[in-house]
Amino acid sequence: MPSYKVVKKKATTKQKMMNAILDLQNQAHKLSFSQLKASIASLTSTIQADQSELPTVAISSLNLGDIQVMLKLNHSLSNLEFRNKPPVELSPICTQWLDMTRNAFGKSEPNEALTRITLNNLLVFAHHCVTSQPASTSTDLNINDLHLNAEGLWRYGPVTYKGLKYDLVGRPDYSLWYGNEEDVAVSIVVVEAKGSAGASSGVSQTLGYMGCVHRRRKDLQKLDSTVYGVVSDGQWWVFLKINNDSEWTEHMIPARLGNYQEVLGLLVHMFRTAATMSPVQLEKTSVQTHSKESSGVSYMGFDLDAEEESSDEEEV
């Protein structure tokens, strides 16, 4: 079993907390009692997280079993959402760019850099397909809010491992956002599979990022806590979903010799579905007043500009 990388958590900046307090003060008169209660609980947990000194465990070091236990997820075989989705043809520009890339690196062995180029191109094209046709996505969604982010440091906690409290930390390669960090407005997480083990080796890591978003949205009492995920090594693509009942499913397809139509079809489906189910207007009022998971004791932070942590590491 791999060792667990543990680093001391860096404190949240006082400026971020002050901004959150000011935002709450400005919006208090617009919120219902249940929304105000959830916002105060979220702010309280953020302050508590800043004051605590929990060690952090790298999500990439955890196995699938650990992820499922820590984030209360269950595997399911019943979800057929990803099957028989119509393929999407690549645009001439996208096809030309992929061909140029393939020709330029044609004599190179497959590696992480080439996989990243393919991921970049297909994610950008899928985003364009959805945002250039807003009428087919959602009349409520502000398309300008639907955007991709690359990397950035994520932290979620607390979780329990071997009887002790930890925060989970990691850097997903890409994420699709439709709103702000306070609402945890992330609908899709994308990870490039590292090393020679193939796409399946990145499932636990991707599911870990997805699970953090899912659990935090549960604690914030959002109406829908569904999260999608993708992991690929360039040859194989694994599509993941955590539904609102904390059940996760997977679907794998090959994309050999540049056959990306089926991959693109599923990416477009995920982007469009995520955008449709998560309009910004709904997110601002999506509090479940009777949720049993509304403890508000968790916290999640996104530092999209963070550099690699330089803290001392130890192993457990």
Protein backbone atom coordinates (compact mmCIF):
# COMPACT_ATOMS: atom_id res chain seq x y z
CA MET A 1 0.00 0.00 0.00
CA PRO A 2 1.41 3.47 -0.87
CA SER A 3 2.49 5.77 1.92
CA TYR A 4 0.38 8.81 2.70
CA LYS A 5 1.94 12.21 2.14
CA VAL A 6 1.07 14.52 5.00
CA VAL A 7 1.81 18.24 5.16
CA LYS A 8 0.84 20.91 7.61
CA LYS A 9 -2.08 23.00 6.40
CA LYS A 10 -1.38 26.63 5.54
CA ALA A 11 -3.70 29.13 7.15
CA THR A 12 -6.46 30.78 5.14
CA THR A 13 -5.76 34.48 4.60
CA LYS A 14 -7.54 36.97 6.86
CA GLN A 15 -8.50 38.95 3.75
CA LYS A 16 -10.55 36.04 2.39
CA MET A 17 -12.43 35.70 5.65
CA MET A 18 -13.06 39.45 5.81
CA ASN A 19 -14.43 39.40 2.27
CA ALA A 20 -16.73 36.52 3.18
CA ILE A 21 -18.03 38.43 6.23
CA LEU A 22 -18.66 41.55 4.13
CA ASP A 23 -20.45 39.54 1.44
CA LEU A 24 -22.68 37.95 4.06
CA GLN A 25 -23.45 41.34 5.56
CA ASN A 26 -24.41 42.77 2.16
CA GLN A 27 -26.61 39.82 1.20
CA ALA A 28 -28.24 39.10 4.57
CA HIS A 29 -31.45 40.99 3.77
CA LYS A 30 -31.93 38.95 0.59
CA LEU A 31 -31.60 35.52 2.20
CA SER A 32 -34.21 33.33 3.80
CA PHE A 33 -33.65 32.16 7.37
CA SER A 34 -32.45 28.72 6.22
CA GLN A 35 -30.06 30.27 3.68
CA LEU A 36 -28.70 32.68 6.27
CA LYS A 37 -28.22 29.82 8.73
CA ALA A 38 -26.31 27.78 6.12
CA SER A 39 -24.13 30.79 5.18
CA ILE A 40 -23.25 31.45 8.83
CA ALA A 41 -22.42 27.77 9.33
CA SER A 42 -20.17 27.84 6.27
CA LEU A 43 -18.36 30.96 7.48
CA THR A 44 -17.97 29.49 10.96
CA SER A 45 -16.46 26.30 9.59
CA THR A 46 -14.04 28.33 7.45
CA ILE A 47 -12.84 30.27 10.50
CA GLN A 48 -12.53 27.06 12.50
CA ALA A 49 -10.54 25.48 9.68
CA ASP A 50 -8.17 28.43 9.67
CA GLN A 51 -7.62 28.14 13.40
CA SER A 52 -6.97 24.41 13.37
CA GLU A 53 -3.73 22.77 12.40
CA LEU A 54 -4.89 19.52 10.84
CA PRO A 55 -2.34 17.63 8.73
CA THR A 56 -3.29 17.05 5.10
CA VAL A 57 -3.29 13.83 3.09
CA ALA A 58 -2.62 13.96 -0.65
CA ILE A 59 -5.64 12.64 -2.55
CA SER A 60 -3.31 11.11 -5.14
CA SER A 61 -1.82 8.82 -2.46
CA LEU A 62 -5.14 7.21 -1.47
CA ASN A 63 -6.57 4.00 -2.88
CA LEU A 64 -10.15 3.52 -4.03
CA GLY A 65 -11.27 1.86 -0.81
CA ASP A 66 -9.97 4.75 1.30
CA ILE A 67 -11.73 7.29 -0.93
CA GLN A 68 -15.06 5.48 -0.67
CA VAL A 69 -14.87 5.21 3.13
CA MET A 70 -13.63 8.75 3.81
CA LEU A 71 -16.16 10.41 1.50
CA LYS A 72 -19.05 7.99 2.11
CA LEU A 73 -19.40 6.81 -1.50
CA ASN A 74 -20.83 3.55 -2.85
CA HIS A 75 -20.18 1.96 -6.24
CA SER A 76 -23.22 1.25 -8.43
CA LEU A 77 -23.74 -0.69 -11.68
CA SER A 78 -27.23 0.64 -12.37
CA ASN A 79 -26.44 3.99 -14.00
CA LEU A 80 -26.74 3.75 -17.80
CA GLU A 81 -26.42 7.47 -18.50
CA PHE A 82 -23.15 7.25 -20.46
CA ARG A 83 -24.22 4.46 -22.82
CA ASN A 84 -25.35 5.03 -26.42
CA LYS A 85 -24.76 8.77 -26.44
CA PRO A 86 -24.52 10.22 -29.97
CA PRO A 87 -20.97 10.97 -31.14
CA VAL A 88 -19.98 14.53 -32.00
CA GLU A 89 -17.85 15.26 -35.05
CA LEU A 90 -14.77 17.38 -34.54
CA SER A 91 -14.74 20.76 -36.24
CA PRO A 92 -12.30 21.20 -39.16
CA ILE A 93 -10.15 23.46 -36.98
CA CYS A 94 -9.98 20.95 -34.13
CA THR A 95 -9.27 18.09 -36.54
CA GLN A 96 -6.51 20.08 -38.22
CA TRP A 97 -4.91 20.96 -34.89
CA LEU A 98 -4.97 17.37 -33.66
CA ASP A 99 -3.50 16.19 -36.99
CA MET A 100 -0.75 18.80 -36.78
CA THR A 101 0.05 17.70 -33.24
CA ARG A 102 0.09 14.03 -34.23
CA ASN A 103 2.40 14.75 -37.19
CA ALA A 104 4.75 16.91 -35.13
CA PHE A 105 5.12 14.28 -32.39
CA GLY A 106 4.57 11.24 -34.59
CA LYS A 107 7.87 9.58 -33.72
CA SER A 108 7.58 10.20 -29.98
CA GLU A 109 6.47 7.58 -27.53
CA PRO A 110 3.14 8.34 -25.81
CA ASN A 111 3.77 10.47 -22.73
CA GLU A 112 2.06 12.82 -20.32
CA ALA A 113 2.81 15.94 -22.38
CA LEU A 114 1.09 14.52 -25.47
CA THR A 115 -1.87 13.39 -23.39
CA ARG A 116 -2.18 16.90 -21.96
CA ILE A 117 -2.28 18.41 -25.47
CA THR A 118 -5.11 16.06 -26.47
CA LEU A 119 -7.04 16.81 -23.27
CA ASN A 120 -6.63 20.55 -23.82
CA ASN A 121 -7.97 20.41 -27.36
CA LEU A 122 -10.98 18.19 -26.65
CA LEU A 123 -12.03 20.03 -23.49
CA VAL A 124 -11.82 23.40 -25.22
CA PHE A 125 -13.85 22.14 -28.18
CA ALA A 126 -16.49 20.56 -25.91
CA HIS A 127 -16.75 23.84 -24.00
CA HIS A 128 -17.17 25.71 -27.29
CA CYS A 129 -19.88 23.31 -28.49
CA VAL A 130 -21.93 23.96 -25.35
CA THR A 131 -21.35 27.68 -24.87
CA SER A 132 -21.90 28.53 -28.55
CA GLN A 133 -25.39 27.01 -28.38
CA PRO A 134 -26.86 28.44 -25.14
CA ALA A 135 -30.47 27.91 -26.19
CA SER A 136 -29.95 24.14 -26.17
CA THR A 137 -28.33 24.23 -22.74
CA SER A 138 -30.30 26.44 -20.37
CA THR A 139 -32.23 29.66 -20.62
CA ASP A 140 -31.26 30.52 -17.05
CA LEU A 141 -27.53 29.91 -17.25
CA ASN A 142 -25.21 32.83 -17.89
CA ILE A 143 -22.93 31.16 -20.42
CA ASN A 144 -20.10 33.51 -19.52
CA ASP A 145 -19.99 31.85 -16.08
CA LEU A 146 -19.31 28.38 -17.55
CA HIS A 147 -15.53 28.13 -17.66
CA LEU A 148 -12.60 25.75 -17.33
CA ASN A 149 -9.85 26.07 -14.73
CA ALA A 150 -6.48 24.35 -14.87
CA GLU A 151 -4.88 22.99 -11.70
CA GLY A 152 -4.96 25.05 -8.50
CA LEU A 153 -4.80 23.71 -4.94
CA TRP A 154 -7.94 22.13 -3.43
CA ARG A 155 -8.40 21.34 0.25
CA TYR A 156 -11.34 19.57 1.90
CA GLY A 157 -11.87 18.40 5.45
CA PRO A 158 -12.09 17.10 7.95
CA VAL A 159 -12.03 13.39 7.15
CA THR A 160 -11.19 10.51 9.46
CA TYR A 161 -8.36 8.05 8.76
CA LYS A 162 -7.22 5.49 11.32
CA GLY A 163 -9.11 7.35 14.01
CA LEU A 164 -7.45 10.71 13.33
CA LYS A 165 -8.66 13.88 11.60
CA TYR A 166 -7.07 15.03 8.33
CA ASP A 167 -7.71 17.40 5.45
CA LEU A 168 -7.56 16.09 1.88
CA VAL A 169 -5.48 18.12 -0.54
CA GLY A 170 -4.71 17.88 -4.26
CA ARG A 171 -4.50 19.50 -7.69
CA PRO A 172 -6.98 18.33 -10.33
CA ASP A 173 -5.71 18.99 -13.84
CA TYR A 174 -8.96 20.65 -14.97
CA SER A 175 -12.35 21.56 -13.55
CA LEU A 176 -15.52 23.00 -15.07
CA TRP A 177 -17.08 25.83 -13.07
CA TYR A 178 -20.45 27.58 -13.43
CA GLY A 179 -20.24 29.98 -10.47
CA ASN A 180 -18.17 30.97 -7.46
CA GLU A 181 -16.07 29.15 -4.89
CA GLU A 182 -18.44 29.84 -1.99
CA ASP A 183 -21.17 27.80 -3.71
CA VAL A 184 -18.63 25.06 -4.61
CA ALA A 185 -19.93 25.57 -8.15
CA VAL A 186 -17.89 22.77 -9.73
CA SER A 187 -19.67 20.28 -11.97
CA ILE A 188 -16.86 18.33 -13.69
CA VAL A 189 -13.35 17.28 -12.60
CA VAL A 190 -10.79 16.08 -15.17
CA VAL A 191 -7.53 14.26 -14.41
CA GLU A 192 -4.74 13.15 -16.71
CA ALA A 193 -3.62 9.63 -15.80
CA LYS A 194 0.05 9.70 -14.84
CA GLY A 195 2.63 6.98 -15.41
CA SER A 196 2.31 3.78 -17.44
CA ALA A 197 -0.54 2.13 -15.53
CA GLY A 198 -3.25 3.52 -17.83
CA ALA A 199 -6.43 5.52 -17.37
CA SER A 200 -7.88 3.21 -14.73
CA SER A 201 -5.03 4.13 -12.38
CA GLY A 202 -6.40 7.66 -12.09
CA VAL A 203 -9.94 6.67 -11.11
CA SER A 204 -9.39 6.83 -7.34
CA GLN A 205 -7.72 10.24 -7.57
CA THR A 206 -10.46 11.67 -9.79
CA LEU A 207 -13.16 10.19 -7.59
CA GLY A 208 -11.44 11.77 -4.59
CA TYR A 209 -11.71 15.26 -6.06
CA MET A 210 -15.30 14.61 -7.11
CA GLY A 211 -16.16 13.26 -3.68
CA CYS A 212 -14.82 16.35 -1.93
CA VAL A 213 -17.08 18.57 -4.04
CA HIS A 214 -20.03 16.23 -3.53
CA ARG A 215 -19.68 16.06 0.26
CA ARG A 216 -19.17 19.81 0.63
CA ARG A 217 -22.26 20.51 -1.48
CA LYS A 218 -24.18 18.07 0.71
CA ASP A 219 -23.10 19.99 3.80
CA LEU A 220 -24.14 23.26 2.14
CA GLN A 221 -27.60 21.69 1.58
CA LYS A 222 -27.58 22.13 -2.19
CA LEU A 223 -30.56 20.68 -4.02
CA ASP A 224 -28.29 18.71 -6.37
CA SER A 225 -24.86 17.42 -5.41
CA THR A 226 -24.20 15.48 -8.62
CA VAL A 227 -20.59 15.69 -9.85
CA TYR A 228 -19.02 14.33 -13.05
CA GLY A 229 -15.44 13.29 -13.70
CA VAL A 230 -13.10 12.24 -16.51
CA VAL A 231 -9.72 10.53 -16.42
CA SER A 232 -7.67 9.69 -19.51
CA ASP A 233 -4.25 8.54 -20.62
CA GLY A 234 -4.95 9.66 -24.20
CA GLN A 235 -5.85 6.15 -25.38
CA TRP A 236 -8.56 5.20 -22.88
CA TRP A 237 -11.15 7.47 -21.31
CA VAL A 238 -13.03 6.75 -18.07
CA PHE A 239 -16.20 8.78 -17.44
CA LEU A 240 -17.38 9.00 -13.84
CA LYS A 241 -20.45 10.26 -12.01
CA ILE A 242 -21.46 10.68 -8.37
CA ASN A 243 -25.22 11.07 -8.15
CA ASN A 244 -27.18 12.89 -5.49
CA ASP A 245 -27.43 9.67 -3.43
CA SER A 246 -23.61 9.36 -3.18
CA GLU A 247 -23.49 6.45 -5.65
CA TRP A 248 -20.69 6.50 -8.19
CA THR A 249 -20.54 4.84 -11.61
CA GLU A 250 -17.94 4.50 -14.35
CA HIS A 251 -17.88 4.00 -18.11
CA MET A 252 -14.71 3.35 -20.15
CA ILE A 253 -14.26 3.83 -23.91
CA PRO A 254 -11.20 3.59 -26.21
CA ALA A 255 -10.03 6.39 -28.47
CA ARG A 256 -7.29 4.80 -30.52
CA LEU A 257 -5.89 6.28 -33.73
CA GLY A 258 -7.56 9.63 -33.18
CA ASN A 259 -11.10 8.25 -32.98
CA TYR A 260 -12.41 10.95 -30.67
CA GLN A 261 -16.02 11.32 -31.84
CA GLU A 262 -17.46 9.14 -29.07
CA VAL A 263 -15.24 10.81 -26.46
CA LEU A 264 -16.32 14.24 -27.61
CA GLY A 265 -19.96 13.17 -27.59
CA LEU A 266 -19.72 12.19 -23.92
CA LEU A 267 -17.78 15.34 -23.01
CA VAL A 268 -20.44 17.52 -24.65
CA HIS A 269 -23.18 15.53 -22.90
CA MET A 270 -21.49 16.01 -19.52
CA PHE A 271 -20.84 19.72 -20.08
CA ARG A 272 -24.41 20.33 -21.24
CA THR A 273 -26.01 18.24 -18.48
CA ALA A 274 -23.89 19.89 -15.80
CA ALA A 275 -24.78 23.34 -17.10
CA THR A 276 -28.48 22.54 -17.34
CA MET A 277 -28.79 21.13 -13.83
CA SER A 278 -26.72 23.88 -12.22
CA PRO A 279 -27.86 27.35 -13.38
CA VAL A 280 -26.38 30.15 -11.31
CA GLN A 281 -29.80 31.49 -10.30
CA LEU A 282 -30.79 28.09 -8.88
CA GLU A 283 -27.53 27.72 -6.99
CA LYS A 284 -28.15 30.90 -5.04
CA THR A 285 -31.42 29.52 -3.67
CA SER A 286 -30.74 25.80 -3.61
CA VAL A 287 -30.88 25.24 0.14
CA GLN A 288 -32.67 22.16 1.46
CA THR A 289 -34.32 23.22 4.69
CA HIS A 290 -34.84 19.64 5.87
CA SER A 291 -31.52 18.10 4.88
CA LYS A 292 -30.17 15.59 7.39
CA GLU A 293 -26.62 16.34 6.22
CA SER A 294 -26.70 20.07 7.01
CA SER A 295 -24.18 19.98 9.81
CA GLY A 296 -21.96 22.58 8.14
CA VAL A 297 -18.89 21.13 9.88
CA SER A 298 -16.87 20.55 6.70
CA TYR A 299 -14.89 23.14 4.79
CA MET A 300 -13.42 23.34 1.31
CA GLY A 301 -10.94 25.80 -0.15
CA PHE A 302 -9.82 26.50 -3.71
CA ASP A 303 -6.57 28.35 -4.33
CA LEU A 304 -6.37 28.49 -8.10
CA ASP A 305 -3.12 30.46 -8.07
CA ALA A 306 -1.29 28.47 -5.40
CA GLU A 307 2.23 27.24 -5.99
CA GLU A 308 3.35 23.79 -4.91
CA GLU A 309 3.45 23.56 -1.12
CA SER A 310 6.92 23.73 0.36
CA SER A 311 5.95 22.49 3.83
CA ASP A 312 7.81 19.60 5.37
CA GLU A 313 6.22 16.25 4.60
CA GLU A 314 5.99 13.10 6.65
CA GLU A 315 4.51 9.69 5.94
CA VAL A 316 1.83 7.67 7.71
